[in-house]
Each structure stands twice: as C-alpha cells, then as structure tokens.
C-alpha atoms as a PDB file:
ATOM      1  CA  MET A   1      87.879 103.614  73.594  1.00  0.00           C
ATOM      2  CA  ARG A   2      84.843 104.157  75.956  1.00  0.00           C
ATOM      3  CA  ILE A   3      84.016 107.021  78.144  1.00  0.00           C
ATOM      4  CA  ALA A   4      81.618 107.051  80.902  1.00  0.00           C
ATOM      5  CA  VAL A   5      79.649 110.117  81.620  1.00  0.00           C
ATOM      6  CA  ASP A   6      77.417 110.784  84.688  1.00  0.00           C
ATOM      7  CA  ALA A   7      74.268 111.987  82.933  1.00  0.00           C
ATOM      8  CA  MET A   8      72.747 113.143  86.304  1.00  0.00           C
ATOM      9  CA  GLY A   9      75.594 115.183  87.748  1.00  0.00           C
ATOM     10  CA  GLY A  10      75.320 118.843  87.799  1.00  0.00           C
ATOM     11  CA  ASP A  11      73.185 121.726  88.649  1.00  0.00           C
ATOM     12  CA  TYR A  12      71.697 121.405  84.746  1.00  0.00           C
ATOM     13  CA  ALA A  13      71.755 117.785  84.310  1.00  0.00           C
ATOM     14  CA  PRO A  14      70.523 115.765  82.480  1.00  0.00           C
ATOM     15  CA  ARG A  15      69.745 118.524  79.895  1.00  0.00           C
ATOM     16  CA  GLU A  16      73.116 120.312  79.591  1.00  0.00           C
ATOM     17  CA  VAL A  17      75.243 116.961  80.194  1.00  0.00           C
ATOM     18  CA  VAL A  18      73.230 114.869  77.495  1.00  0.00           C
ATOM     19  CA  ALA A  19      73.312 117.938  74.855  1.00  0.00           C
ATOM     20  CA  GLY A  20      77.243 118.298  75.636  1.00  0.00           C
ATOM     21  CA  ALA A  21      77.400 114.237  75.099  1.00  0.00           C
ATOM     22  CA  ALA A  22      75.464 114.353  71.798  1.00  0.00           C
ATOM     23  CA  ALA A  23      77.521 117.215  70.600  1.00  0.00           C
ATOM     24  CA  ALA A  24      80.746 115.192  71.492  1.00  0.00           C
ATOM     25  CA  ALA A  25      79.285 112.031  69.514  1.00  0.00           C
ATOM     26  CA  ARG A  26      78.511 113.984  66.489  1.00  0.00           C
ATOM     27  CA  ASP A  27      81.804 116.108  66.316  1.00  0.00           C
ATOM     28  CA  LEU A  28      84.465 114.456  68.193  1.00  0.00           C
ATOM     29  CA  GLN A  29      86.754 111.521  66.933  1.00  0.00           C
ATOM     30  CA  GLY A  30      88.991 109.575  69.202  1.00  0.00           C
ATOM     31  CA  PHE A  31      86.678 107.313  71.257  1.00  0.00           C
ATOM     32  CA  ASP A  32      84.236 104.502  70.215  1.00  0.00           C
ATOM     33  CA  ARG A  33      81.447 104.905  72.691  1.00  0.00           C
ATOM     34  CA  LEU A  34      79.939 107.404  75.226  1.00  0.00           C
ATOM     35  CA  ILE A  35      77.964 105.507  77.957  1.00  0.00           C
ATOM     36  CA  LEU A  36      75.526 107.664  79.720  1.00  0.00           C
ATOM     37  CA  VAL A  37      74.874 106.729  83.164  1.00  0.00           C
ATOM     38  CA  GLY A  38      71.605 107.821  84.962  1.00  0.00           C
ATOM     39  CA  ASP A  39      67.656 107.582  84.695  1.00  0.00           C
ATOM     40  CA  GLU A  40      67.086 106.233  81.601  1.00  0.00           C
ATOM     41  CA  GLN A  41      63.989 107.470  80.649  1.00  0.00           C
ATOM     42  CA  ALA A  42      65.040 111.181  81.428  1.00  0.00           C
ATOM     43  CA  VAL A  43      68.199 110.322  79.427  1.00  0.00           C
ATOM     44  CA  ARG A  44      66.834 108.813  76.434  1.00  0.00           C
ATOM     45  CA  GLY A  45      63.960 112.021  76.473  1.00  0.00           C
ATOM     46  CA  GLU A  46      66.994 114.425  76.443  1.00  0.00           C
ATOM     47  CA  LEU A  47      68.799 112.486  73.576  1.00  0.00           C
ATOM     48  CA  GLN A  48      65.535 112.740  71.528  1.00  0.00           C
ATOM     49  CA  ARG A  49      65.716 116.528  71.464  1.00  0.00           C
ATOM     50  CA  HIS A  50      68.908 116.345  69.618  1.00  0.00           C
ATOM     51  CA  GLY A  51      67.628 114.049  66.610  1.00  0.00           C
ATOM     52  CA  PRO A  52      68.272 110.293  65.955  1.00  0.00           C
ATOM     53  CA  VAL A  53      70.420 108.645  68.624  1.00  0.00           C
ATOM     54  CA  SER A  54      73.683 108.254  67.654  1.00  0.00           C
ATOM     55  CA  PRO A  55      75.308 104.625  67.606  1.00  0.00           C
ATOM     56  CA  ARG A  56      78.022 105.969  69.485  1.00  0.00           C
ATOM     57  CA  ILE A  57      75.814 106.730  72.416  1.00  0.00           C
ATOM     58  CA  GLU A  58      74.481 103.918  75.265  1.00  0.00           C
ATOM     59  CA  ILE A  59      72.779 104.251  78.253  1.00  0.00           C
ATOM     60  CA  ARG A  60      73.210 102.537  81.516  1.00  0.00           C
ATOM     61  CA  HIS A  61      70.459 103.045  84.240  1.00  0.00           C
ATOM     62  CA  ALA A  62      71.098 104.270  87.610  1.00  0.00           C
ATOM     63  CA  ALA A  63      68.269 104.835  89.789  1.00  0.00           C
ATOM     64  CA  GLU A  64      69.857 107.278  92.523  1.00  0.00           C
ATOM     65  CA  VAL A  65      71.610 110.596  92.134  1.00  0.00           C
ATOM     66  CA  VAL A  66      73.966 112.216  94.827  1.00  0.00           C
ATOM     67  CA  GLY A  67      73.027 115.670  95.542  1.00  0.00           C
ATOM     68  CA  MET A  68      75.187 118.459  95.624  1.00  0.00           C
ATOM     69  CA  ASP A  69      74.601 119.019  99.149  1.00  0.00           C
ATOM     70  CA  GLU A  70      75.363 115.126 100.357  1.00  0.00           C
ATOM     71  CA  THR A  71      78.155 114.561 102.645  1.00  0.00           C
ATOM     72  CA  PRO A  72      79.937 112.794  99.673  1.00  0.00           C
ATOM     73  CA  ALA A  73      81.543 109.347 101.667  1.00  0.00           C
ATOM     74  CA  LEU A  74      78.076 108.906 103.190  1.00  0.00           C
ATOM     75  CA  ALA A  75      76.265 109.250  99.820  1.00  0.00           C
ATOM     76  CA  ILE A  76      78.776 106.599  97.911  1.00  0.00           C
ATOM     77  CA  ARG A  77      78.140 104.320 100.922  1.00  0.00           C
ATOM     78  CA  ARG A  78      74.590 104.313 101.034  1.00  0.00           C
ATOM     79  CA  LYS A  79      73.522 104.670  97.384  1.00  0.00           C
ATOM     80  CA  LYS A  80      74.832 101.927  95.681  1.00  0.00           C
ATOM     81  CA  ASP A  81      73.098 102.818  92.412  1.00  0.00           C
ATOM     82  CA  SER A  82      73.998 106.279  91.974  1.00  0.00           C
ATOM     83  CA  SER A  83      74.865 107.752  88.551  1.00  0.00           C
ATOM     84  CA  ILE A  84      78.400 108.692  89.972  1.00  0.00           C
ATOM     85  CA  GLY A  85      78.941 105.357  91.585  1.00  0.00           C
ATOM     86  CA  ARG A  86      77.733 103.453  88.658  1.00  0.00           C
ATOM     87  CA  ALA A  87      79.887 105.317  86.042  1.00  0.00           C
ATOM     88  CA  VAL A  88      83.237 105.061  88.146  1.00  0.00           C
ATOM     89  CA  ASP A  89      82.107 101.152  88.505  1.00  0.00           C
ATOM     90  CA  LEU A  90      82.373 101.069  84.327  1.00  0.00           C
ATOM     91  CA  VAL A  91      86.046 102.266  84.619  1.00  0.00           C
ATOM     92  CA  LYS A  92      87.009  99.588  87.633  1.00  0.00           C
ATOM     93  CA  GLN A  93      85.247  96.937  85.818  1.00  0.00           C
ATOM     94  CA  GLY A  94      87.121  97.740  82.305  1.00  0.00           C
ATOM     95  CA  GLU A  95      83.821  98.656  80.445  1.00  0.00           C
ATOM     96  CA  ALA A  96      85.085 102.014  80.286  1.00  0.00           C
ATOM     97  CA  ASP A  97      88.478 103.747  79.836  1.00  0.00           C
ATOM     98  CA  ALA A  98      87.365 107.060  81.577  1.00  0.00           C
ATOM     99  CA  VAL A  99      84.741 108.795  83.525  1.00  0.00           C
ATOM    100  CA  VAL A 100      83.176 112.487  83.177  1.00  0.00           C
ATOM    101  CA  SER A 101      81.017 114.076  85.934  1.00  0.00           C
ATOM    102  CA  ALA A 102      79.753 117.347  86.807  1.00  0.00           C
ATOM    103  CA  GLY A 103      78.412 116.110  90.154  1.00  0.00           C
ATOM    104  CA  ASN A 104      79.224 116.440  93.726  1.00  0.00           C
ATOM    105  CA  THR A 105      83.213 117.009  93.456  1.00  0.00           C
ATOM    106  CA  GLY A 106      83.641 115.361  97.020  1.00  0.00           C
ATOM    107  CA  ALA A 107      81.466 112.290  95.640  1.00  0.00           C
ATOM    108  CA  VAL A 108      83.579 112.078  92.461  1.00  0.00           C
ATOM    109  CA  VAL A 109      86.616 112.006  94.273  1.00  0.00           C
ATOM    110  CA  VAL A 110      85.636 109.486  97.198  1.00  0.00           C
ATOM    111  CA  ALA A 111      84.584 107.030  94.323  1.00  0.00           C
ATOM    112  CA  ALA A 112      87.128 107.112  92.527  1.00  0.00           C
ATOM    113  CA  THR A 113      89.648 106.850  95.218  1.00  0.00           C
ATOM    114  CA  LEU A 114      87.894 103.879  96.754  1.00  0.00           C
ATOM    115  CA  LYS A 115      86.787 102.102  93.743  1.00  0.00           C
ATOM    116  CA  LEU A 116      89.855 102.997  91.491  1.00  0.00           C
ATOM    117  CA  ARG A 117      92.559 103.277  93.835  1.00  0.00           C
ATOM    118  CA  THR A 118      95.623 105.335  93.437  1.00  0.00           C
ATOM    119  CA  LEU A 119      98.281 104.528  90.895  1.00  0.00           C
ATOM    120  CA  GLU A 120     101.000 102.722  92.404  1.00  0.00           C
ATOM    121  CA  GLY A 121     103.544 104.698  94.583  1.00  0.00           C
ATOM    122  CA  VAL A 122     100.943 107.690  94.637  1.00  0.00           C
ATOM    123  CA  GLU A 123     100.018 109.140  98.075  1.00  0.00           C
ATOM    124  CA  ARG A 124      96.987 110.908  97.438  1.00  0.00           C
ATOM    125  CA  PRO A 125      94.991 112.055  94.152  1.00  0.00           C
ATOM    126  CA  ALA A 126      94.749 115.663  93.294  1.00  0.00           C
ATOM    127  CA  ILE A 127      92.393 117.952  91.356  1.00  0.00           C
ATOM    128  CA  ALA A 128      94.312 119.775  88.844  1.00  0.00           C
ATOM    129  CA  ALA A 129      92.261 123.249  87.794  1.00  0.00           C
ATOM    130  CA  VAL A 130      93.384 124.810  84.962  1.00  0.00           C
ATOM    131  CA  LEU A 131      93.243 128.605  85.150  1.00  0.00           C
ATOM    132  CA  PRO A 132      93.988 131.393  81.964  1.00  0.00           C
ATOM    133  CA  THR A 133      96.979 133.744  82.549  1.00  0.00           C
ATOM    134  CA  GLN A 134      98.541 136.539  80.719  1.00  0.00           C
ATOM    135  CA  ARG A 135     100.389 134.091  78.578  1.00  0.00           C
ATOM    136  CA  HIS A 136      99.185 130.256  78.723  1.00  0.00           C
ATOM    137  CA  PRO A 137      97.028 128.234  80.862  1.00  0.00           C
ATOM    138  CA  LEU A 138      98.068 127.377  84.433  1.00  0.00           C
ATOM    139  CA  VAL A 139      97.605 124.292  86.177  1.00  0.00           C
ATOM    140  CA  LEU A 140      96.767 124.504  89.977  1.00  0.00           C
ATOM    141  CA  LEU A 141      96.762 121.457  91.876  1.00  0.00           C
ATOM    142  CA  ASP A 142      95.470 120.444  94.540  1.00  0.00           C
ATOM    143  CA  ALA A 143      92.106 122.210  94.216  1.00  0.00           C
ATOM    144  CA  GLY A 144      90.126 120.382  96.827  1.00  0.00           C
ATOM    145  CA  ALA A 145      90.856 116.696  96.564  1.00  0.00           C
ATOM    146  CA  THR A 146      93.396 116.429  99.669  1.00  0.00           C
ATOM    147  CA  ILE A 147      93.118 119.115 102.253  1.00  0.00           C
ATOM    148  CA  ASP A 148      95.803 118.011 104.852  1.00  0.00           C
ATOM    149  CA  CYS A 149      98.940 117.314 102.853  1.00  0.00           C
ATOM    150  CA  THR A 150     102.667 116.339 103.633  1.00  0.00           C
ATOM    151  CA  PRO A 151     105.820 117.554 101.639  1.00  0.00           C
ATOM    152  CA  LEU A 152     105.502 114.195  99.666  1.00  0.00           C
ATOM    153  CA  HIS A 153     102.057 114.506  98.579  1.00  0.00           C
ATOM    154  CA  LEU A 154     103.013 118.169  97.242  1.00  0.00           C
ATOM    155  CA  ALA A 155     105.967 116.978  95.482  1.00  0.00           C
ATOM    156  CA  GLN A 156     103.820 114.072  93.523  1.00  0.00           C
ATOM    157  CA  PHE A 157     101.224 116.625  92.982  1.00  0.00           C
ATOM    158  CA  ALA A 158     104.086 118.741  91.359  1.00  0.00           C
ATOM    159  CA  VAL A 159     105.054 115.808  89.210  1.00  0.00           C
ATOM    160  CA  MET A 160     101.636 115.072  88.186  1.00  0.00           C
ATOM    161  CA  GLY A 161     100.606 118.623  87.395  1.00  0.00           C
ATOM    162  CA  SER A 162     103.835 118.640  85.346  1.00  0.00           C
ATOM    163  CA  VAL A 163     102.819 115.716  83.245  1.00  0.00           C
ATOM    164  CA  TYR A 164      99.607 117.110  82.591  1.00  0.00           C
ATOM    165  CA  SER A 165     100.661 120.200  81.352  1.00  0.00           C
ATOM    166  CA  ARG A 166     103.424 118.687  79.032  1.00  0.00           C
ATOM    167  CA  VAL A 167     101.026 116.155  77.515  1.00  0.00           C
ATOM    168  CA  ILE A 168      97.667 117.726  77.416  1.00  0.00           C
ATOM    169  CA  LEU A 169      98.216 121.564  77.459  1.00  0.00           C
ATOM    170  CA  GLY A 170     101.175 121.212  75.179  1.00  0.00           C
ATOM    171  CA  ARG A 171     103.824 123.027  77.138  1.00  0.00           C
ATOM    172  CA  PRO A 172     107.388 121.475  76.415  1.00  0.00           C
ATOM    173  CA  GLU A 173     108.931 121.832  79.856  1.00  0.00           C
ATOM    174  CA  PRO A 174     106.475 122.936  82.422  1.00  0.00           C
ATOM    175  CA  ALA A 175     107.838 125.417  85.130  1.00  0.00           C
ATOM    176  CA  VAL A 176     106.629 124.465  88.468  1.00  0.00           C
ATOM    177  CA  GLY A 177     106.206 126.871  91.378  1.00  0.00           C
ATOM    178  CA  LEU A 178     105.388 126.371  94.972  1.00  0.00           C
ATOM    179  CA  LEU A 179     102.602 128.427  96.456  1.00  0.00           C
ATOM    180  CA  SER A 180     104.052 130.235  99.411  1.00  0.00           C
ATOM    181  CA  ILE A 181     104.269 133.629 101.106  1.00  0.00           C
ATOM    182  CA  GLY A 182     107.273 134.887  99.490  1.00  0.00           C
ATOM    183  CA  GLY A 183     109.505 134.103  96.930  1.00  0.00           C
ATOM    184  CA  GLU A 184     112.410 133.381  98.807  1.00  0.00           C
ATOM    185  CA  ASP A 185     113.362 129.456 100.140  1.00  0.00           C
ATOM    186  CA  ILE A 186     113.181 130.328 103.579  1.00  0.00           C
ATOM    187  CA  LYS A 187     109.714 131.692 103.488  1.00  0.00           C
ATOM    188  CA  GLY A 188     106.571 129.505 104.433  1.00  0.00           C
ATOM    189  CA  ASN A 189     105.569 127.043 107.114  1.00  0.00           C
ATOM    190  CA  GLU A 190     107.482 123.787 107.872  1.00  0.00           C
ATOM    191  CA  THR A 191     105.554 121.985 105.366  1.00  0.00           C
ATOM    192  CA  THR A 192     106.452 124.402 102.143  1.00  0.00           C
ATOM    193  CA  LYS A 193     109.827 124.443 103.265  1.00  0.00           C
ATOM    194  CA  GLU A 194     110.581 120.720 103.313  1.00  0.00           C
ATOM    195  CA  THR A 195     108.456 120.732 100.004  1.00  0.00           C
ATOM    196  CA  PHE A 196     111.021 123.090  98.896  1.00  0.00           C
ATOM    197  CA  LYS A 197     114.001 120.905  99.235  1.00  0.00           C
ATOM    198  CA  LEU A 198     112.303 117.822  97.607  1.00  0.00           C
ATOM    199  CA  LEU A 199     111.483 119.765  94.759  1.00  0.00           C
ATOM    200  CA  SER A 200     114.614 121.310  94.447  1.00  0.00           C
ATOM    201  CA  GLU A 201     115.935 117.638  93.666  1.00  0.00           C
ATOM    202  CA  ALA A 202     113.012 116.190  91.578  1.00  0.00           C
ATOM    203  CA  PRO A 203     113.182 115.480  87.747  1.00  0.00           C
ATOM    204  CA  LEU A 204     111.456 118.806  86.856  1.00  0.00           C
ATOM    205  CA  LYS A 205     111.728 122.406  86.288  1.00  0.00           C
ATOM    206  CA  PHE A 206     111.522 123.539  89.631  1.00  0.00           C
ATOM    207  CA  ALA A 207     110.930 127.639  89.541  1.00  0.00           C
ATOM    208  CA  GLY A 208     111.049 128.052  93.358  1.00  0.00           C
ATOM    209  CA  ASN A 209     108.328 129.651  95.363  1.00  0.00           C
ATOM    210  CA  VAL A 210     105.605 131.873  93.919  1.00  0.00           C
ATOM    211  CA  GLU A 211     103.080 134.140  95.769  1.00  0.00           C
ATOM    212  CA  GLY A 212      99.594 134.622  95.151  1.00  0.00           C
ATOM    213  CA  HIS A 213     100.116 137.879  92.818  1.00  0.00           C
ATOM    214  CA  ASP A 214     102.221 135.686  90.502  1.00  0.00           C
ATOM    215  CA  LEU A 215      99.582 133.275  89.666  1.00  0.00           C
ATOM    216  CA  PHE A 216      98.321 135.019  86.788  1.00  0.00           C
ATOM    217  CA  GLU A 217     101.371 136.371  85.478  1.00  0.00           C
ATOM    218  CA  GLY A 218     102.029 133.140  83.426  1.00  0.00           C
ATOM    219  CA  HIS A 219     105.627 133.055  84.351  1.00  0.00           C
ATOM    220  CA  THR A 220     104.852 129.455  85.657  1.00  0.00           C
ATOM    221  CA  ASP A 221     103.219 126.565  84.139  1.00  0.00           C
ATOM    222  CA  VAL A 222     102.143 124.586  87.254  1.00  0.00           C
ATOM    223  CA  VAL A 223     101.583 125.725  90.897  1.00  0.00           C
ATOM    224  CA  VAL A 224     101.203 123.419  93.651  1.00  0.00           C
ATOM    225  CA  CYS A 225      99.736 123.610  96.989  1.00  0.00           C
ATOM    226  CA  ASP A 226      97.260 121.674  99.608  1.00  0.00           C
ATOM    227  CA  GLY A 227      93.702 121.394  98.511  1.00  0.00           C
ATOM    228  CA  PHE A 228      92.387 123.517 101.526  1.00  0.00           C
ATOM    229  CA  VAL A 229      94.519 126.594  99.796  1.00  0.00           C
ATOM    230  CA  GLY A 230      93.840 125.451  96.337  1.00  0.00           C
ATOM    231  CA  ASN A 231      90.234 125.514  96.805  1.00  0.00           C
ATOM    232  CA  ILE A 232      90.194 128.922  98.258  1.00  0.00           C
ATOM    233  CA  VAL A 233      92.600 130.130  95.399  1.00  0.00           C
ATOM    234  CA  LEU A 234      90.057 128.830  92.775  1.00  0.00           C
ATOM    235  CA  LYS A 235      86.772 130.033  94.231  1.00  0.00           C
ATOM    236  CA  THR A 236      88.189 133.364  94.613  1.00  0.00           C
ATOM    237  CA  SER A 237      89.614 133.489  91.432  1.00  0.00           C
ATOM    238  CA  GLU A 238      86.149 132.756  90.123  1.00  0.00           C
ATOM    239  CA  SER A 239      84.535 135.406  92.265  1.00  0.00           C
ATOM    240  CA  VAL A 240      86.936 138.057  91.332  1.00  0.00           C
ATOM    241  CA  ALA A 241      86.373 137.183  87.588  1.00  0.00           C
ATOM    242  CA  HIS A 242      82.546 137.154  87.901  1.00  0.00           C
ATOM    243  CA  ALA A 243      82.698 140.552  90.013  1.00  0.00           C
ATOM    244  CA  ILE A 244      84.783 142.179  87.334  1.00  0.00           C
ATOM    245  CA  SER A 245      82.492 141.275  84.585  1.00  0.00           C
ATOM    246  CA  HIS A 246      79.452 142.623  86.654  1.00  0.00           C
ATOM    247  CA  TRP A 247      81.540 145.732  86.989  1.00  0.00           C
ATOM    248  CA  MET A 248      82.485 146.075  83.442  1.00  0.00           C
ATOM    249  CA  LYS A 249      78.752 145.495  82.474  1.00  0.00           C
ATOM    250  CA  GLN A 250      77.264 147.970  85.076  1.00  0.00           C
ATOM    251  CA  GLU A 251      79.579 150.681  83.736  1.00  0.00           C
ATOM    252  CA  LEU A 252      79.606 150.378  80.197  1.00  0.00           C
ATOM    253  CA  THR A 253      76.086 150.619  80.003  1.00  0.00           C
ATOM    254  CA  SER A 254      75.535 153.380  82.275  1.00  0.00           C
ATOM    255  CA  ASN A 255      74.924 155.920  79.551  1.00  0.00           C
ATOM    256  CA  PRO A 256      74.790 156.111  75.712  1.00  0.00           C
ATOM    257  CA  VAL A 257      78.519 157.427  75.372  1.00  0.00           C
ATOM    258  CA  ARG A 258      79.878 154.430  76.942  1.00  0.00           C
ATOM    259  CA  MET A 259      77.428 152.166  75.103  1.00  0.00           C
ATOM    260  CA  LEU A 260      78.692 153.268  71.898  1.00  0.00           C
ATOM    261  CA  GLY A 261      82.385 153.105  73.205  1.00  0.00           C
ATOM    262  CA  SER A 262      81.661 149.202  74.217  1.00  0.00           C
ATOM    263  CA  ALA A 263      79.893 148.725  70.796  1.00  0.00           C
ATOM    264  CA  LEU A 264      83.568 149.604  69.191  1.00  0.00           C
ATOM    265  CA  LEU A 265      85.540 147.114  71.459  1.00  0.00           C
ATOM    266  CA  TYR A 266      83.003 144.264  71.064  1.00  0.00           C
ATOM    267  CA  GLY A 267      85.613 142.227  69.220  1.00  0.00           C
ATOM    268  CA  ALA A 268      88.206 142.767  72.104  1.00  0.00           C
ATOM    269  CA  PHE A 269      85.710 141.938  74.670  1.00  0.00           C
ATOM    270  CA  ARG A 270      84.935 138.543  72.859  1.00  0.00           C
ATOM    271  CA  THR A 271      88.592 137.710  72.671  1.00  0.00           C
ATOM    272  CA  MET A 272      89.098 138.348  76.348  1.00  0.00           C
ATOM    273  CA  LYS A 273      85.956 136.397  77.225  1.00  0.00           C
ATOM    274  CA  ARG A 274      87.229 133.314  75.023  1.00  0.00           C
ATOM    275  CA  ARG A 275      90.652 133.730  76.844  1.00  0.00           C
ATOM    276  CA  MET A 276      89.154 133.524  80.252  1.00  0.00           C
ATOM    277  CA  ASP A 277      86.422 130.931  79.540  1.00  0.00           C
ATOM    278  CA  PRO A 278      87.029 127.800  81.892  1.00  0.00           C
ATOM    279  CA  GLU A 279      84.886 125.767  79.905  1.00  0.00           C
ATOM    280  CA  MET A 280      87.459 125.511  76.997  1.00  0.00           C
ATOM    281  CA  TYR A 281      90.045 123.648  79.211  1.00  0.00           C
ATOM    282  CA  GLY A 282      87.578 120.546  79.550  1.00  0.00           C
ATOM    283  CA  GLY A 283      87.157 120.677  83.349  1.00  0.00           C
ATOM    284  CA  ALA A 284      89.797 119.266  85.940  1.00  0.00           C
ATOM    285  CA  PRO A 285      91.173 115.976  86.171  1.00  0.00           C
ATOM    286  CA  LEU A 286      91.656 113.889  89.396  1.00  0.00           C
ATOM    287  CA  LEU A 287      95.335 113.068  89.019  1.00  0.00           C
ATOM    288  CA  GLY A 288      96.945 110.103  90.759  1.00  0.00           C
ATOM    289  CA  VAL A 289      93.771 107.597  90.372  1.00  0.00           C
ATOM    290  CA  ASN A 290      94.176 104.277  88.543  1.00  0.00           C
ATOM    291  CA  GLY A 291      92.106 105.690  85.523  1.00  0.00           C
ATOM    292  CA  VAL A 292      91.085 108.868  83.747  1.00  0.00           C
ATOM    293  CA  CYS A 293      88.360 111.138  86.004  1.00  0.00           C
ATOM    294  CA  ILE A 294      87.484 114.429  84.728  1.00  0.00           C
ATOM    295  CA  ILE A 295      85.495 116.484  87.030  1.00  0.00           C
ATOM    296  CA  THR A 296      83.747 119.437  85.753  1.00  0.00           C
ATOM    297  CA  HIS A 297      81.989 122.365  87.387  1.00  0.00           C
ATOM    298  CA  GLY A 298      78.490 121.818  88.798  1.00  0.00           C
ATOM    299  CA  ALA A 299      77.101 124.548  86.826  1.00  0.00           C
ATOM    300  CA  SER A 300      78.828 123.515  83.431  1.00  0.00           C
ATOM    301  CA  SER A 301      76.970 123.790  80.149  1.00  0.00           C
ATOM    302  CA  SER A 302      76.748 121.584  77.255  1.00  0.00           C
ATOM    303  CA  ARG A 303      80.046 123.394  76.067  1.00  0.00           C
ATOM    304  CA  ALA A 304      81.882 122.264  79.205  1.00  0.00           C
ATOM    305  CA  ILE A 305      80.516 118.582  79.064  1.00  0.00           C
ATOM    306  CA  PHE A 306      81.892 118.390  75.296  1.00  0.00           C
ATOM    307  CA  HIS A 307      85.295 119.563  76.077  1.00  0.00           C
ATOM    308  CA  ALA A 308      85.548 117.533  79.150  1.00  0.00           C
ATOM    309  CA  ILE A 309      84.801 114.604  77.083  1.00  0.00           C
ATOM    310  CA  ARG A 310      87.490 115.644  74.782  1.00  0.00           C
ATOM    311  CA  VAL A 311      89.942 115.983  77.325  1.00  0.00           C
ATOM    312  CA  ALA A 312      88.921 112.566  78.903  1.00  0.00           C
ATOM    313  CA  SER A 313      89.612 110.944  75.501  1.00  0.00           C
ATOM    314  CA  GLU A 314      93.166 112.588  74.833  1.00  0.00           C
ATOM    315  CA  SER A 315      94.173 111.658  78.556  1.00  0.00           C
ATOM    316  CA  VAL A 316      93.313 107.840  77.794  1.00  0.00           C
ATOM    317  CA  HIS A 317      95.173 108.165  74.448  1.00  0.00           C
ATOM    318  CA  GLN A 318      97.953 109.694  75.919  1.00  0.00           C
ATOM    319  CA  GLN A 319      98.292 107.038  78.803  1.00  0.00           C
ATOM    320  CA  ILE A 320      98.782 109.911  81.282  1.00  0.00           C
ATOM    321  CA  GLY A 321      98.476 107.360  84.576  1.00  0.00           C
ATOM    322  CA  GLY A 322     101.240 105.595  83.162  1.00  0.00           C
ATOM    323  CA  LEU A 323     103.546 108.737  82.337  1.00  0.00           C
ATOM    324  CA  ILE A 324     102.663 109.886  85.978  1.00  0.00           C
ATOM    325  CA  ALA A 325     103.632 106.645  87.488  1.00  0.00           C
ATOM    326  CA  GLY A 326     107.016 106.441  85.509  1.00  0.00           C
ATOM    327  CA  GLU A 327     107.858 110.137  86.553  1.00  0.00           C
ATOM    328  CA  LEU A 328     107.370 109.386  89.930  1.00  0.00           C
ATOM    329  CA  ALA A 329     109.627 106.396  90.057  1.00  0.00           C
ATOM    330  CA  ARG A 330     112.347 108.055  88.318  1.00  0.00           C
ATOM    331  CA  GLY A 331     112.307 110.929  90.508  1.00  0.00           C
ATOM    332  CA  GLY A 332     112.423 108.578  93.684  1.00  0.00           C
ATOM    333  CA  LEU A 333     109.300 110.098  94.784  1.00  0.00           C
ATOM    334  CA  LYS A 334     107.071 107.092  95.079  1.00  0.00           C
ATOM    335  CA  ARG A 335     105.804 106.276  98.809  1.00  0.00           C
END
C-alpha cells in the first residue's frame, strides 16, 4: 500500500507534515510507502532533520503550492503542478492508494472530486468530521464539501457516516441522527422532512431528529446535515472549546490558591485534554469519492499528520469505498 502526502499543505508545512510522515514511516505498519509530494529540496531538507531517510519514504517534486486563501476551483485549474493536485493524481493513476492533505480544504475537495470522481451511485461527496462527546466519538457530515443538499444527498451521507463509524471508529451498530430544529419528525424545513422519510426506510439505525444541544451528549454516533450547517457547527464547536480552555487557564492561574488546586487536578486536566483532542481522530475523510482522501486541519501538527496517515491506511485496508457503494445499493439510495 502506498499513501501520497501533500507535503506543502497546511500552515506549518513542510516542517510538521514531514515530521509526521517520518514518525509514521518509523512507527506505523500497514503500508509499504509514503510518497511526499512537494518542493523536493525543501522536503528533503526537512527529512534530514529526522535522521537517515526511511526506505519507506519517497519524494515526488511539485513546483507549486495552493495557498489557503486561494479560490479552490481556480487554483486547481491553473496550478497544474501543485502539491495537492499531484498527490491526488497519484491516486487517480494507481500509484497511490490514498491521499492525505492539510492544505486548502476546498482545493482538496475539488481535486479529489474532479480527478477521482465519486463512487458509483454517489451524488455528492461529504467531509466527515469526528467530534468528541460524553460517551464516544461522533461523526458529523457534511462538514463543508456540499453546501446545498437534496434529501437524497443527506440520506447518502447518513449511509457513508454509518459505514465509517462502524468500520473505522468501531461502533457496532451506529445510531444516525438528522440535525434539525426539533426532535419531532414534523420539525425542520422541507429538505429535512423529506430526508427523515428516506432515513426511516434506509438500512441503518435511524434515531430520528437531533438538535444542536444533543450533539455532545453521545446518544448518536452519526449526525447528518448539509455542508453549510455542518461547517458552522464544526467551527463554532472549535471556537467554544478554545474559549473554555482560555477561560480555565485564566481563572486557574489568577491567584496562588487556585494554582495549587489546579496542580492537584493536573491528571484530570490531562485526561480531559486527551479526550477532546481532535488530532487523535486522524483528520476528516472525504467520503464518497473513488479513493481514500483524508483532510486534516490547516494548523495540523506532526501528530495530526501521523494519525491521518494511520486512518488513511486503515480505510484502504477496510476497503471503505466498496462498503459504502454496497450499502447504498442495498438500501436503494443510489442515484
């Protein structure tokens, strides 16, 4: 198995991307080779900081980089030699089995959709973000790939998320919820009402409508919404988490007594931080495309890249694309 890694994507590339890839080549099994795509001189220079270059790592030169602020479709069309485009090309050409990128999310989605196409019967791809809850990880999709959705799109997302939750996150029978403004089946707009009907007949464990305050209680394993709403939910959740962390640090260091108390609770704080750490989940897969594509946060550290490579490897081994196509066909949800 070969995994292509966009070495130039992200706020801290190539340093953090290469560091994560070097660690994965050293410590992870399950793949034969990592192909780092980007400026060869810069990538090789970063690799040398980590000792002798692993025989499991290969470098492919790409002269261009898609910036985080560039228009995705325009950048992919104009920058034929971008690291994102070349990395996806390797999957398209069969030289790699998966691609990992911390670059411009929109550009990754565009490149993967145009070059790899969607799985047979899939209308639109979806970004599946994994969020921590009180009980177990939650798959939220779509988190930004498809802004305007039809009921069929959302029903297909539900199947995709259910497969991912079961195969990668280990949930034996994932409960799927539909994000709406009320728990009753009559609540929501026309799209969610029609989606509710489709999901009620789909081959999955449908838990009905869920509201925003239900997300982190852990009663569902998968929550479905359009990419517009999902992206807002994801970024709002990240902002709230950062704000709470800031407030806690501010209050716990405000006087000596509180500092002493925080020292006594150090172990509990470490455990809570670990449970809330999104980097442990290996980024967000772009589900529904004809190949494994893992998108990580632009500010990803080497640790996030390491786990993204791990999840990419697991997804290929589990043949997640074939499982999704099979479930959609079985449920009559193909276009």
